[in-house]
Protein backbone atom coordinates (compact mmCIF):
# COMPACT_ATOMS: atom_id res chain seq x y z
CA MET A 1 175.89 -178.18 17.61
CA ASN A 2 175.30 -177.47 21.42
CA ASP A 3 174.20 -180.54 22.81
CA GLN A 4 173.75 -179.33 26.53
CA TYR A 5 170.22 -177.86 25.73
CA PRO A 6 167.60 -180.11 24.25
CA PRO A 7 165.56 -178.69 21.44
CA GLN A 8 162.15 -176.99 22.73
CA GLN A 9 159.08 -178.44 21.71
CA PRO A 10 156.23 -175.93 20.38
CA PRO A 11 153.51 -174.99 22.38
CA PRO A 12 150.22 -177.41 22.02
CA PRO A 13 147.78 -175.69 19.59
CA PRO A 14 144.77 -173.84 21.34
CA PRO A 15 141.63 -175.93 21.56
CA MET A 16 139.33 -175.78 18.37
CA THR A 17 136.22 -173.67 19.07
CA PRO A 18 134.03 -172.22 16.42
CA PRO A 19 134.09 -168.43 16.45
CA PRO A 20 130.90 -166.75 17.62
CA PRO A 21 128.49 -166.02 14.91
CA ALA A 22 128.76 -162.68 13.26
CA GLY A 23 125.04 -161.82 13.21
CA GLY A 24 124.45 -161.91 16.99
CA GLN A 25 122.71 -164.61 18.70
CA ALA A 26 123.10 -168.29 17.57
CA THR A 27 120.45 -170.12 15.36
CA SER A 28 119.15 -173.47 16.08
CA THR A 29 120.05 -174.45 12.73
CA GLY A 30 123.74 -174.19 13.39
CA LEU A 31 123.81 -171.41 10.36
CA ASP A 32 125.23 -168.18 10.94
CA PRO A 33 122.45 -165.77 11.48
CA LYS A 34 123.28 -163.43 8.56
CA LEU A 35 123.17 -166.54 6.27
CA ALA A 36 119.95 -167.88 7.82
CA GLY A 37 118.48 -164.45 7.25
CA LEU A 38 119.52 -164.33 3.47
CA LEU A 39 118.25 -167.82 3.03
CA CYS A 40 114.79 -167.38 4.32
CA TYR A 41 114.22 -165.08 1.01
CA ILE A 42 115.89 -167.29 -1.43
CA LEU A 43 112.96 -169.39 -2.53
CA GLY A 44 110.42 -167.24 -0.90
CA LEU A 45 107.64 -169.18 0.60
CA ILE A 46 109.46 -172.68 0.63
CA THR A 47 112.45 -171.35 2.44
CA GLY A 48 110.53 -169.16 4.53
CA LEU A 49 108.36 -171.83 5.79
CA ILE A 50 111.44 -174.17 6.48
CA PHE A 51 113.18 -171.52 8.49
CA PHE A 52 109.96 -170.62 10.25
CA LEU A 53 109.56 -174.09 11.22
CA ILE A 54 112.99 -175.21 12.35
CA GLU A 55 114.34 -171.86 13.84
CA LYS A 56 113.56 -171.52 17.67
CA SER A 57 116.39 -169.62 19.00
CA ASN A 58 116.83 -166.52 16.96
CA PRO A 59 114.20 -163.96 16.86
CA VAL A 60 115.75 -161.87 13.94
CA VAL A 61 115.84 -165.24 11.76
CA ARG A 62 112.51 -166.03 12.76
CA PHE A 63 111.24 -162.55 11.73
CA HIS A 64 112.80 -162.69 8.36
CA ALA A 65 111.10 -166.00 7.65
CA ALA A 66 107.85 -164.60 8.48
CA GLN A 67 108.34 -161.61 6.70
CA SER A 68 109.34 -164.11 3.52
CA ILE A 69 106.15 -166.05 4.21
CA VAL A 70 104.08 -162.90 4.08
CA PHE A 71 105.91 -160.94 1.34
CA SER A 72 105.67 -164.38 -0.85
CA GLY A 73 101.89 -164.72 -0.17
CA ALA A 74 101.23 -161.12 -1.08
CA THR A 75 103.08 -161.46 -4.42
CA ILE A 76 101.12 -164.47 -5.21
CA ALA A 77 98.02 -162.81 -4.36
CA LEU A 78 98.95 -159.86 -6.39
CA TRP A 79 99.81 -162.18 -9.32
CA ILE A 80 96.32 -163.81 -9.07
CA VAL A 81 94.52 -160.29 -9.09
CA LEU A 82 96.70 -158.75 -12.11
CA THR A 83 96.17 -162.02 -14.17
CA ILE A 84 92.26 -161.75 -13.54
CA VAL A 85 92.30 -157.87 -14.37
CA SER A 86 94.53 -158.58 -17.53
CA ILE A 87 92.03 -161.31 -18.96
CA VAL A 88 89.38 -159.03 -18.34
CA LEU A 89 90.85 -155.85 -19.96
CA TYR A 90 91.74 -158.15 -22.91
CA GLN A 91 88.13 -159.01 -23.45
CA ILE A 92 87.28 -155.45 -23.57
CA SER A 93 90.27 -154.24 -25.69
CA TRP A 94 93.36 -155.80 -26.88
CA THR A 95 95.08 -152.34 -26.72
CA LEU A 96 93.78 -151.75 -23.07
CA GLY A 97 95.00 -155.34 -22.19
CA ASN A 98 98.31 -154.58 -23.59
CA LEU A 99 98.79 -151.27 -21.77
CA PHE A 100 98.01 -152.97 -18.46
CA ASN A 101 100.57 -155.58 -19.25
CA LEU A 102 103.28 -152.91 -19.57
CA LEU A 103 101.97 -151.52 -16.05
CA THR A 104 102.26 -155.30 -14.76
CA LEU A 105 105.78 -155.47 -15.86
CA LEU A 106 106.69 -152.19 -14.05
CA VAL A 107 104.97 -153.81 -10.89
CA TRP A 108 106.99 -157.02 -11.32
CA LEU A 109 110.20 -154.93 -11.65
CA GLY A 110 109.35 -153.22 -8.35
CA CYS A 111 108.67 -156.66 -6.77
CA PHE A 112 111.98 -157.88 -8.05
CA ILE A 113 113.90 -154.89 -6.49
CA LEU A 114 112.03 -155.42 -3.17
CA TRP A 115 112.83 -158.93 -3.04
CA VAL A 116 116.86 -158.05 -3.58
CA VAL A 117 116.48 -155.55 -0.91
CA LEU A 118 114.98 -158.12 1.36
CA LEU A 119 117.89 -160.32 0.46
CA ILE A 120 120.33 -157.83 1.28
CA LYS A 121 118.74 -156.71 4.58
CA GLY A 122 118.32 -160.23 5.71
CA TYR A 123 122.16 -160.91 4.98
CA SER A 124 122.90 -157.79 7.03
CA GLY A 125 121.42 -159.26 10.18
CA GLN A 126 118.92 -156.23 10.66
CA LYS A 127 115.31 -156.62 11.35
CA TRP A 128 114.33 -154.40 8.34
CA LYS A 129 110.19 -154.30 8.20
CA LEU A 130 108.37 -153.63 5.03
CA PRO A 131 105.45 -151.07 5.77
CA VAL A 132 102.39 -153.22 6.14
CA LEU A 133 103.59 -156.75 5.70
CA GLY A 134 106.43 -156.17 8.14
CA ASP A 135 103.92 -155.73 11.02
CA MET A 136 101.84 -158.85 9.92
CA ALA A 137 105.18 -160.74 9.85
CA GLU A 138 106.33 -159.51 13.43
CA ARG A 139 102.71 -160.76 14.82
CA LEU A 140 103.23 -164.08 12.93
CA ALA A 141 106.69 -164.54 14.38
CA GLY A 142 105.73 -163.41 17.80
CA SER A 143 102.69 -165.53 18.14
CA ALA A 144 104.41 -168.61 17.03
CA SER A 145 107.17 -168.34 19.49
CA SER A 146 104.89 -167.61 22.59
């Protein structure tokens, strides 16, 4: 062993700084914007309202929260209307009511598929608008941030 050279110390570790969020602009919740966009849709109206009320800095997350609120509200309104029509049709004819309920199942399947697409688009970090509801959500998100 050669004692004339002291052992070298390893360099100190770099300071611990969190990586920048992958989805762009940081959120006021401290979550990754992509995760926040996904979570806006998870429980519909509930998580949409939570993120709409607590998110102040990221416009994309605010938009997804507003779109979740509007989509959930429209789905609830559709459920009420379809239930009333189903009851009326069952009073007219049992067969007519059953046929309408089969159609209603297809509508709910479409709503489920659309919800999954919204979850995926929320996680992608994109501002993906539904045709009519997206415009309403954009106005809601814009009016609340002013």
